[in-house]
N, C-alpha and C. Protein backbone atom coordinates (compact mmCIF):
# COMPACT_ATOMS: atom_id res chain seq x y z
N MET A 1 104.14 80.00 74.73
CA MET A 1 103.68 80.48 76.01
C MET A 1 104.66 80.06 77.11
N ASN A 2 104.83 80.95 78.05
CA ASN A 2 105.69 80.69 79.20
C ASN A 2 104.84 80.89 80.45
N ILE A 3 104.14 79.86 80.89
CA ILE A 3 103.17 79.96 81.96
C ILE A 3 103.81 79.70 83.32
N GLN A 4 103.53 80.60 84.25
CA GLN A 4 103.92 80.41 85.65
C GLN A 4 102.63 80.45 86.46
N ILE A 5 102.49 79.49 87.38
CA ILE A 5 101.34 79.48 88.27
C ILE A 5 101.86 79.68 89.69
N PHE A 6 101.47 80.79 90.30
CA PHE A 6 101.80 81.05 91.70
C PHE A 6 100.58 80.62 92.51
N GLY A 7 100.78 79.67 93.42
CA GLY A 7 99.64 79.18 94.17
C GLY A 7 100.03 78.65 95.53
N LYS A 8 99.04 78.05 96.18
CA LYS A 8 99.22 77.43 97.49
C LYS A 8 98.84 75.96 97.36
N LYS A 9 99.57 75.08 98.04
CA LYS A 9 99.35 73.64 97.90
C LYS A 9 97.92 73.22 98.20
N LYS A 10 97.28 73.84 99.17
CA LYS A 10 95.94 73.45 99.58
C LYS A 10 94.84 74.23 98.88
N CYS A 11 95.19 75.05 97.90
CA CYS A 11 94.21 75.88 97.20
C CYS A 11 93.55 75.08 96.08
N PHE A 12 92.24 74.94 96.15
CA PHE A 12 91.49 74.19 95.15
C PHE A 12 91.60 74.83 93.76
N ASP A 13 91.51 76.16 93.70
CA ASP A 13 91.60 76.85 92.40
C ASP A 13 92.98 76.71 91.77
N THR A 14 94.03 76.63 92.58
CA THR A 14 95.38 76.41 92.05
C THR A 14 95.44 75.04 91.38
N LYS A 15 94.87 74.04 92.02
CA LYS A 15 94.84 72.69 91.45
C LYS A 15 94.04 72.66 90.15
N LYS A 16 92.94 73.41 90.10
CA LYS A 16 92.14 73.49 88.87
C LYS A 16 92.93 74.16 87.75
N ALA A 17 93.71 75.19 88.08
CA ALA A 17 94.52 75.87 87.08
C ALA A 17 95.59 74.93 86.53
N GLU A 18 96.24 74.17 87.42
CA GLU A 18 97.23 73.19 86.97
C GLU A 18 96.60 72.19 86.02
N ARG A 19 95.42 71.68 86.39
CA ARG A 19 94.72 70.71 85.56
C ARG A 19 94.35 71.31 84.20
N TYR A 20 93.93 72.58 84.18
CA TYR A 20 93.57 73.25 82.93
C TYR A 20 94.73 73.21 81.93
N PHE A 21 95.93 73.59 82.38
CA PHE A 21 97.08 73.64 81.48
C PHE A 21 97.60 72.23 81.14
N LYS A 22 97.54 71.33 82.11
CA LYS A 22 98.00 69.96 81.90
C LYS A 22 97.13 69.27 80.84
N GLU A 23 95.81 69.44 80.92
CA GLU A 23 94.88 68.81 79.97
C GLU A 23 95.08 69.32 78.55
N ARG A 24 95.57 70.53 78.39
CA ARG A 24 95.79 71.11 77.06
C ARG A 24 97.22 70.93 76.57
N GLY A 25 98.03 70.24 77.35
CA GLY A 25 99.41 69.98 76.95
C GLY A 25 100.29 71.21 76.96
N ILE A 26 99.93 72.20 77.77
CA ILE A 26 100.69 73.45 77.86
C ILE A 26 101.65 73.34 79.04
N LYS A 27 102.94 73.53 78.77
CA LYS A 27 103.93 73.45 79.85
C LYS A 27 103.77 74.66 80.76
N TYR A 28 103.98 74.39 82.04
CA TYR A 28 103.86 75.46 83.03
C TYR A 28 104.83 75.19 84.17
N GLN A 29 105.09 76.25 84.93
CA GLN A 29 105.94 76.15 86.12
C GLN A 29 105.07 76.52 87.31
N ILE A 30 105.08 75.69 88.34
CA ILE A 30 104.29 75.98 89.54
C ILE A 30 105.22 76.49 90.65
N ILE A 31 104.82 77.58 91.29
CA ILE A 31 105.59 78.16 92.39
C ILE A 31 104.67 78.25 93.60
N ASP A 32 105.06 77.62 94.70
CA ASP A 32 104.29 77.67 95.93
C ASP A 32 104.57 79.00 96.64
N LEU A 33 103.54 79.83 96.76
CA LEU A 33 103.71 81.15 97.38
C LEU A 33 104.16 81.06 98.83
N LEU A 34 103.67 80.06 99.55
CA LEU A 34 103.99 79.97 100.97
C LEU A 34 105.36 79.36 101.21
N ASP A 35 105.87 78.60 100.23
CA ASP A 35 107.17 77.96 100.38
C ASP A 35 108.28 78.83 99.79
N LYS A 36 108.19 79.11 98.50
CA LYS A 36 109.24 79.88 97.81
C LYS A 36 108.89 81.36 97.72
N GLY A 37 107.66 81.64 97.41
CA GLY A 37 107.22 83.02 97.33
C GLY A 37 107.53 83.69 96.00
N MET A 38 107.10 84.90 95.88
CA MET A 38 107.24 85.70 94.68
C MET A 38 108.26 86.81 94.96
N SER A 39 109.15 87.04 94.02
CA SER A 39 110.14 88.12 94.21
C SER A 39 109.47 89.48 94.05
N LYS A 40 110.14 90.52 94.47
CA LYS A 40 109.60 91.87 94.35
C LYS A 40 109.38 92.25 92.88
N GLY A 41 110.31 91.85 92.01
CA GLY A 41 110.17 92.13 90.58
C GLY A 41 108.96 91.43 89.98
N GLU A 42 108.77 90.16 90.33
CA GLU A 42 107.60 89.42 89.85
C GLU A 42 106.32 90.06 90.38
N PHE A 43 106.34 90.43 91.66
CA PHE A 43 105.18 91.08 92.27
C PHE A 43 104.81 92.35 91.51
N ASN A 44 105.81 93.18 91.20
CA ASN A 44 105.54 94.44 90.50
C ASN A 44 105.00 94.22 89.09
N LYS A 45 105.53 93.23 88.37
CA LYS A 45 105.02 92.94 87.02
C LYS A 45 103.58 92.45 87.07
N ILE A 46 103.28 91.59 88.03
CA ILE A 46 101.91 91.08 88.15
C ILE A 46 100.97 92.18 88.60
N LYS A 47 101.43 93.00 89.54
CA LYS A 47 100.63 94.13 90.03
C LYS A 47 100.25 95.05 88.87
N GLN A 48 101.20 95.31 87.99
CA GLN A 48 100.96 96.17 86.84
C GLN A 48 99.97 95.52 85.87
N ALA A 49 100.10 94.20 85.67
CA ALA A 49 99.23 93.49 84.72
C ALA A 49 97.79 93.40 85.21
N VAL A 50 97.58 93.33 86.53
CA VAL A 50 96.22 93.16 87.05
C VAL A 50 95.60 94.46 87.54
N GLY A 51 96.33 95.55 87.44
CA GLY A 51 95.76 96.86 87.77
C GLY A 51 95.90 97.28 89.22
N GLY A 52 96.95 96.83 89.90
CA GLY A 52 97.22 97.28 91.26
C GLY A 52 97.19 96.15 92.26
N CYS A 53 97.86 96.37 93.39
CA CYS A 53 97.98 95.31 94.40
C CYS A 53 96.65 95.02 95.08
N HIS A 54 95.72 95.99 95.10
CA HIS A 54 94.42 95.73 95.72
C HIS A 54 93.65 94.63 94.98
N ASN A 55 93.93 94.45 93.68
CA ASN A 55 93.29 93.38 92.90
C ASN A 55 93.91 92.02 93.17
N MET A 56 95.03 91.99 93.88
CA MET A 56 95.71 90.73 94.17
C MET A 56 95.34 90.17 95.54
N LEU A 57 94.62 90.95 96.35
CA LEU A 57 94.34 90.54 97.73
C LEU A 57 93.18 89.55 97.80
N ASP A 58 93.30 88.62 98.75
CA ASP A 58 92.28 87.60 98.98
C ASP A 58 91.33 88.08 100.08
N ASP A 59 90.10 88.40 99.70
CA ASP A 59 89.10 88.86 100.68
C ASP A 59 88.81 87.81 101.74
N LYS A 60 89.02 86.54 101.39
CA LYS A 60 88.72 85.45 102.31
C LYS A 60 89.95 84.96 103.07
N CYS A 61 90.97 85.79 103.13
CA CYS A 61 92.22 85.44 103.82
C CYS A 61 91.93 85.12 105.28
N LYS A 62 92.62 84.11 105.80
CA LYS A 62 92.39 83.69 107.19
C LYS A 62 92.96 84.68 108.21
N ASP A 63 93.96 85.45 107.82
CA ASP A 63 94.57 86.42 108.75
C ASP A 63 93.85 87.76 108.64
N LYS A 64 92.71 87.86 109.31
CA LYS A 64 91.87 89.07 109.23
C LYS A 64 92.55 90.29 109.85
N ASP A 65 93.36 90.07 110.89
CA ASP A 65 94.06 91.19 111.53
C ASP A 65 95.05 91.84 110.58
N LEU A 66 95.81 91.02 109.87
CA LEU A 66 96.80 91.53 108.93
C LEU A 66 96.10 92.24 107.76
N MET A 67 94.98 91.68 107.32
CA MET A 67 94.21 92.29 106.23
C MET A 67 93.68 93.66 106.67
N ALA A 68 93.22 93.75 107.92
CA ALA A 68 92.72 95.02 108.45
C ALA A 68 93.84 96.05 108.55
N LEU A 69 95.03 95.60 108.93
CA LEU A 69 96.18 96.50 109.03
C LEU A 69 96.50 97.17 107.70
N LEU A 70 96.31 96.45 106.60
CA LEU A 70 96.63 97.00 105.27
C LEU A 70 95.84 98.26 104.96
N THR A 71 94.63 98.38 105.48
CA THR A 71 93.80 99.55 105.18
C THR A 71 94.40 100.84 105.74
N TYR A 72 95.27 100.71 106.75
CA TYR A 72 95.85 101.89 107.41
C TYR A 72 97.25 102.23 106.92
N LEU A 73 97.80 101.42 106.03
CA LEU A 73 99.17 101.64 105.57
C LEU A 73 99.20 102.46 104.28
N SER A 74 100.33 103.15 104.06
CA SER A 74 100.52 103.88 102.80
C SER A 74 100.73 102.85 101.69
N GLU A 75 100.63 103.27 100.44
CA GLU A 75 100.75 102.35 99.29
C GLU A 75 102.07 101.60 99.30
N GLU A 76 103.19 102.31 99.54
CA GLU A 76 104.50 101.64 99.54
C GLU A 76 104.61 100.62 100.68
N ASP A 77 104.14 101.01 101.87
CA ASP A 77 104.19 100.11 103.02
C ASP A 77 103.27 98.92 102.81
N LYS A 78 102.13 99.17 102.17
CA LYS A 78 101.17 98.10 101.89
C LYS A 78 101.81 97.04 101.00
N GLU A 79 102.50 97.48 99.95
CA GLU A 79 103.15 96.54 99.03
C GLU A 79 104.22 95.73 99.75
N GLU A 80 105.01 96.38 100.60
CA GLU A 80 106.04 95.67 101.36
C GLU A 80 105.41 94.61 102.27
N LYS A 81 104.32 94.97 102.92
CA LYS A 81 103.63 94.05 103.84
C LYS A 81 103.07 92.86 103.07
N ILE A 82 102.55 93.09 101.87
CA ILE A 82 102.01 91.99 101.06
C ILE A 82 103.13 91.06 100.61
N ILE A 83 104.27 91.63 100.20
CA ILE A 83 105.41 90.81 99.78
C ILE A 83 105.93 89.97 100.95
N GLU A 84 105.96 90.57 102.14
CA GLU A 84 106.41 89.84 103.33
C GLU A 84 105.43 88.74 103.73
N ASN A 85 104.12 88.97 103.52
CA ASN A 85 103.07 88.05 103.96
C ASN A 85 102.23 87.62 102.76
N GLN A 86 102.77 86.73 101.96
CA GLN A 86 102.11 86.36 100.71
C GLN A 86 100.87 85.49 100.91
N ILE A 87 100.54 85.19 102.17
CA ILE A 87 99.30 84.49 102.46
C ILE A 87 98.10 85.39 102.13
N LEU A 88 98.34 86.70 102.03
CA LEU A 88 97.28 87.67 101.72
C LEU A 88 96.89 87.67 100.24
N ILE A 89 97.69 87.04 99.40
CA ILE A 89 97.47 87.08 97.95
C ILE A 89 96.50 85.99 97.53
N LYS A 90 95.55 86.38 96.70
CA LYS A 90 94.57 85.43 96.16
C LYS A 90 95.26 84.54 95.12
N THR A 91 94.95 83.27 95.15
CA THR A 91 95.57 82.33 94.21
C THR A 91 94.52 81.62 93.39
N PRO A 92 94.87 81.10 92.24
CA PRO A 92 96.20 81.15 91.65
C PRO A 92 96.44 82.46 90.91
N ILE A 93 97.71 82.83 90.84
CA ILE A 93 98.11 83.91 89.94
C ILE A 93 98.79 83.21 88.78
N VAL A 94 98.22 83.40 87.59
CA VAL A 94 98.77 82.77 86.40
C VAL A 94 99.39 83.87 85.55
N ARG A 95 100.67 83.68 85.22
CA ARG A 95 101.41 84.69 84.48
C ARG A 95 101.92 84.12 83.16
N ASN A 96 101.75 84.90 82.12
CA ASN A 96 102.27 84.56 80.80
C ASN A 96 102.97 85.80 80.27
N GLY A 97 104.27 85.89 80.51
CA GLY A 97 105.03 87.08 80.10
C GLY A 97 104.55 88.30 80.87
N ASN A 98 104.05 89.31 80.15
CA ASN A 98 103.56 90.54 80.78
C ASN A 98 102.08 90.47 81.14
N GLN A 99 101.43 89.36 80.80
CA GLN A 99 100.01 89.19 81.12
C GLN A 99 99.88 88.37 82.39
N ALA A 100 98.84 88.65 83.17
CA ALA A 100 98.62 87.88 84.40
C ALA A 100 97.15 87.94 84.78
N THR A 101 96.72 86.89 85.50
CA THR A 101 95.37 86.86 86.06
C THR A 101 95.47 86.45 87.52
N VAL A 102 94.48 86.87 88.28
CA VAL A 102 94.37 86.48 89.69
C VAL A 102 93.08 85.70 89.83
N GLY A 103 93.19 84.49 90.36
CA GLY A 103 92.02 83.62 90.48
C GLY A 103 91.93 82.69 89.29
N TYR A 104 90.91 81.84 89.30
CA TYR A 104 90.71 80.86 88.23
C TYR A 104 89.98 81.55 87.07
N LYS A 105 90.68 81.80 85.96
CA LYS A 105 90.13 82.57 84.83
C LYS A 105 90.38 81.88 83.48
N PRO A 106 89.83 80.69 83.24
CA PRO A 106 90.09 79.98 81.98
C PRO A 106 89.62 80.75 80.74
N GLU A 107 88.62 81.61 80.89
CA GLU A 107 88.13 82.38 79.74
C GLU A 107 89.21 83.35 79.24
N ILE A 108 90.05 83.84 80.11
CA ILE A 108 91.16 84.72 79.71
C ILE A 108 92.33 83.90 79.20
N TRP A 109 92.61 82.75 79.83
CA TRP A 109 93.73 81.91 79.43
C TRP A 109 93.54 81.39 78.02
N LYS A 110 92.30 81.16 77.60
CA LYS A 110 92.03 80.67 76.23
C LYS A 110 92.52 81.67 75.19
N LYS A 111 92.42 82.95 75.51
CA LYS A 111 92.82 84.01 74.57
C LYS A 111 94.33 84.13 74.44
N TRP A 112 95.08 83.52 75.35
CA TRP A 112 96.53 83.61 75.32
C TRP A 112 97.14 82.70 74.25
N ASN A 113 96.40 81.76 73.74
CA ASN A 113 96.95 80.81 72.73
C ASN A 113 97.32 81.52 71.44
């Protein structure tokens, strides 16, 4: 397994995801979305794995104005805006090759073994 965890330092679910893999002795790489961010290629692979960028959005995002703006943008512009403002993405995003999950999903991660 090649696990990548995209998260935010203050996100409780990101910390739980790290603990999940650490307790099972599974090596993982943690990437802070707000510090380093996700590349466009990584974004597209994850978007494809989770069924679209709308499944990656955080309904509880603190920037309500930016979230409201997304409803009025075209699909291509919406993706660009999300890549530019990764605070809109729900965390953690856990990626294993071509598979990915958004949020804390240990029931799916168990099947990856």
